[in-house]
Protein backbone atom coordinates (compact mmCIF):
# COMPACT_ATOMS: atom_id res chain seq x y z
CA MET A 1 17.64 72.94 -39.38
CA SER A 2 18.06 69.51 -37.86
CA LYS A 3 15.12 68.38 -35.75
CA LYS A 4 17.67 67.31 -33.10
CA GLN A 5 18.74 70.93 -32.69
CA THR A 6 17.43 72.57 -29.54
CA LEU A 7 14.56 74.92 -30.26
CA THR A 8 14.75 78.40 -28.75
CA GLN A 9 12.95 81.71 -28.97
CA ALA A 10 15.60 82.77 -31.48
CA ASN A 11 15.22 79.83 -33.87
CA ILE A 12 11.63 78.54 -33.55
CA VAL A 13 10.34 80.72 -36.41
CA ASP A 14 13.16 79.56 -38.70
CA PHE A 15 12.39 75.97 -37.67
CA ILE A 16 8.74 76.40 -38.65
CA ALA A 17 9.73 78.13 -41.91
CA ASP A 18 11.96 75.15 -42.68
CA ILE A 19 9.04 72.77 -42.09
CA PHE A 20 6.87 74.78 -44.49
CA ALA A 21 9.68 74.73 -47.08
CA ARG A 22 10.43 70.99 -46.75
CA CYS A 23 6.95 69.60 -46.17
CA GLY A 24 4.52 72.21 -47.42
CA ASP A 25 3.86 70.51 -50.74
CA GLU A 26 2.53 67.38 -49.04
CA GLU A 27 -1.06 66.41 -49.76
CA TYR A 28 -3.57 67.71 -47.27
CA LEU A 29 -5.52 64.57 -46.37
CA GLY A 30 -7.46 64.19 -49.60
CA GLU A 31 -8.28 67.89 -49.97
CA PRO A 32 -7.54 69.83 -53.21
CA VAL A 33 -4.75 71.87 -51.58
CA THR A 34 -1.34 71.13 -50.10
CA MET A 35 -0.61 71.34 -46.39
CA ALA A 36 1.09 74.72 -46.79
CA GLN A 37 -1.69 76.12 -48.97
CA HIS A 38 -4.24 75.05 -46.38
CA MET A 39 -2.49 76.69 -43.45
CA LEU A 40 -1.51 79.82 -45.38
CA GLN A 41 -5.10 80.20 -46.56
CA GLY A 42 -6.40 80.11 -42.98
CA ALA A 43 -3.90 82.77 -41.92
CA THR A 44 -4.61 84.92 -44.98
CA LEU A 45 -8.36 84.79 -44.36
CA ALA A 46 -7.80 85.69 -40.70
CA GLU A 47 -5.60 88.62 -41.71
CA LYS A 48 -8.17 89.86 -44.25
CA LYS A 49 -10.85 89.74 -41.54
CA GLY A 50 -8.68 91.95 -39.35
CA LEU A 51 -8.33 89.37 -36.60
CA GLY A 52 -5.60 89.74 -34.01
CA GLU A 53 -2.08 88.49 -34.57
CA GLU A 54 -2.44 85.60 -32.14
CA ILE A 55 -5.46 84.26 -34.07
CA ILE A 56 -3.73 84.74 -37.43
CA VAL A 57 -0.74 82.81 -36.09
CA ALA A 58 -3.03 80.12 -34.64
CA ALA A 59 -4.72 79.72 -38.03
CA LEU A 60 -1.29 79.51 -39.68
CA LEU A 61 -0.03 76.85 -37.27
CA HIS A 62 -3.17 74.89 -36.41
CA ASP A 63 -2.04 71.82 -38.39
CA ILE A 64 1.69 71.99 -37.60
CA GLY A 65 1.44 68.55 -35.98
CA HIS A 66 1.00 67.03 -39.46
CA PHE A 67 4.33 68.42 -40.65
CA THR A 68 6.86 66.73 -38.43
CA SER A 69 7.60 63.03 -38.65
CA GLU A 70 8.02 62.74 -34.90
CA PHE A 71 4.39 63.79 -34.41
CA GLY A 72 2.89 61.39 -36.97
CA THR A 73 0.11 62.04 -39.44
CA PHE A 74 -2.98 60.27 -40.65
CA SER A 75 -4.26 59.90 -44.18
CA MET A 76 -7.48 58.79 -45.81
CA GLU A 77 -6.17 55.20 -45.57
CA ASP A 78 -5.56 55.29 -41.82
CA THR A 79 -8.04 53.65 -39.50
CA GLU A 80 -7.14 55.59 -36.37
CA ASP A 81 -6.58 59.21 -35.37
CA ARG A 82 -2.94 60.21 -34.91
CA TYR A 83 -3.73 63.21 -32.66
CA HIS A 84 -1.88 65.78 -34.74
CA GLU A 85 -3.60 68.54 -32.76
CA GLU A 86 -2.03 67.48 -29.47
CA ALA A 87 1.35 66.89 -31.10
CA GLY A 88 1.29 70.37 -32.64
CA ALA A 89 0.26 72.07 -29.41
CA LYS A 90 3.03 70.32 -27.49
CA VAL A 91 5.77 71.56 -29.80
CA LEU A 92 4.40 75.11 -29.72
CA GLU A 93 3.56 75.51 -26.02
CA ALA A 94 7.06 76.55 -24.96
CA PHE A 95 7.01 79.47 -27.41
CA PHE A 96 3.39 80.55 -27.91
CA PRO A 97 0.63 81.83 -25.61
CA THR A 98 -2.22 79.61 -24.49
CA ILE A 99 -4.64 81.21 -26.93
CA VAL A 100 -2.49 79.94 -29.83
CA THR A 101 -1.87 76.49 -28.37
CA ASP A 102 -5.54 76.12 -27.40
CA CYS A 103 -6.56 76.89 -30.98
CA VAL A 104 -4.11 74.23 -32.19
CA ARG A 105 -4.94 71.69 -29.47
CA PHE A 106 -8.73 72.03 -29.78
CA HIS A 107 -9.39 72.70 -33.48
CA VAL A 108 -10.42 69.05 -33.92
CA ALA A 109 -12.63 69.27 -30.83
CA ALA A 110 -14.18 72.40 -32.32
CA LYS A 111 -15.23 70.42 -35.40
CA ARG A 112 -16.79 67.77 -33.15
CA TYR A 113 -18.47 70.53 -31.12
CA LEU A 114 -19.90 72.28 -34.18
CA CYS A 115 -21.19 68.99 -35.57
CA ALA A 116 -23.01 68.40 -32.27
CA THR A 117 -24.46 71.89 -31.88
CA ASN A 118 -25.01 73.11 -35.45
CA PRO A 119 -26.67 70.53 -37.73
CA ALA A 120 -26.00 72.64 -40.82
CA TYR A 121 -22.26 72.61 -40.12
CA PHE A 122 -21.91 68.88 -40.72
CA GLY A 123 -23.49 69.26 -44.16
CA GLU A 124 -20.76 71.73 -45.16
CA LEU A 125 -17.85 69.40 -44.36
CA SER A 126 -15.79 67.96 -47.20
CA ASP A 127 -15.66 64.18 -47.63
CA ALA A 128 -12.12 64.16 -46.24
CA SER A 129 -13.24 66.13 -43.19
CA VAL A 130 -16.15 63.74 -42.59
CA HIS A 131 -13.70 60.84 -42.79
CA SER A 132 -11.37 62.44 -40.24
CA LEU A 133 -14.37 63.33 -38.03
CA ASN A 134 -15.18 59.63 -37.82
CA LEU A 135 -11.59 58.87 -36.81
CA GLN A 136 -11.70 61.67 -34.24
CA GLY A 137 -14.74 60.41 -32.36
CA GLY A 138 -17.67 61.91 -34.27
CA PRO A 139 -19.88 64.69 -32.92
CA MET A 140 -19.48 65.47 -29.21
CA ASN A 141 -21.94 64.15 -26.67
CA ASP A 142 -23.62 66.53 -24.20
CA LEU A 143 -20.94 66.11 -21.53
CA GLU A 144 -18.16 66.81 -24.02
CA VAL A 145 -20.00 69.93 -25.25
CA ALA A 146 -20.39 71.20 -21.67
CA ASP A 147 -16.68 70.64 -21.01
CA PHE A 148 -15.58 72.22 -24.31
CA VAL A 149 -17.51 75.47 -23.81
CA ARG A 150 -15.80 76.03 -20.45
CA ASN A 151 -12.51 76.81 -22.21
CA PRO A 152 -11.95 80.58 -21.87
CA ASN A 153 -10.68 80.64 -25.48
CA VAL A 154 -13.66 78.79 -26.96
CA GLN A 155 -14.73 81.63 -29.28
CA ASP A 156 -11.25 81.91 -30.77
CA ILE A 157 -10.93 78.14 -31.07
CA VAL A 158 -14.20 78.02 -33.03
CA ALA A 159 -13.07 80.97 -35.17
CA VAL A 160 -9.89 79.10 -36.09
CA ARG A 161 -12.01 76.02 -36.88
CA TYR A 162 -14.02 78.02 -39.40
CA LEU A 163 -10.77 79.34 -40.91
CA ASP A 164 -9.53 75.74 -41.09
CA ASP A 165 -12.67 74.74 -43.00
CA ALA A 166 -12.36 77.70 -45.37
CA GLY A 167 -8.71 77.01 -46.21
CA LYS A 168 -9.32 74.43 -48.91
CA ASP A 169 -9.59 76.52 -52.08
CA PRO A 170 -7.24 75.30 -54.84
CA ASN A 171 -7.51 78.67 -56.61
CA MET A 172 -6.79 80.97 -53.67
CA GLN A 173 -3.54 82.92 -53.80
CA THR A 174 -1.76 83.62 -50.52
CA PRO A 175 1.48 85.18 -49.39
CA SER A 176 4.25 82.79 -48.41
CA PHE A 177 5.25 81.90 -44.87
CA ALA A 178 7.83 84.70 -45.04
CA HIS A 179 4.97 87.23 -45.03
CA PHE A 180 3.76 85.91 -41.66
CA ALA A 181 7.19 85.18 -40.13
CA PRO A 182 7.63 88.64 -38.49
CA MET A 183 4.16 88.30 -36.95
CA VAL A 184 4.95 84.81 -35.68
CA GLN A 185 8.17 86.16 -34.14
CA ARG A 186 6.28 89.03 -32.44
CA VAL A 187 3.84 86.56 -30.87
CA VAL A 188 6.74 84.36 -29.71
CA ASP A 189 8.68 87.33 -28.33
CA ALA A 190 5.64 88.71 -26.46
CA HIS A 191 4.97 85.31 -24.90
CA CYS A 192 8.58 84.63 -23.96
CA ALA A 193 8.88 88.10 -22.41
CA VAL A 194 6.22 87.25 -19.84
CA THR A 195 7.13 83.62 -19.12
């Protein structure tokens, strides 16, 4: 699908599937998995935990902003953050409920929040994640923490953050995007039915 083609409720899932197919083998920012493996692992772990479809879809799509050239990416060599989280949320917000787009938009903030509020969390980050944390502003200050916890979806955002962190296992087997596509379409359809 051409990225110039208008995205609709009927084709957004195919568009995302195409991104996974074309770009999924890209390196995931110095981690031992590809971009697709990383996102599929988060969704698979969410599904195994019995989390709701919106959270599974959020885990699947949390890094979608890295996939599309118009959103930009950053690598271990970059010296600035490219705001993939905002780019991803913007492309999804016409088709997905706020809980999904909040999990995408704030998964970086959740890392900064956890580093500020849970000292043990920082020690569990990979080297690549520490590097990106530095690009993303480091741990939150007290005012940022107070603002972050006011989000009504904060618990789900943090849950997706933990799934993000867990999705870096080079030996983990996952289903393909096709396994999740019907679920993604259900979440899109439910959202579009009420908007």
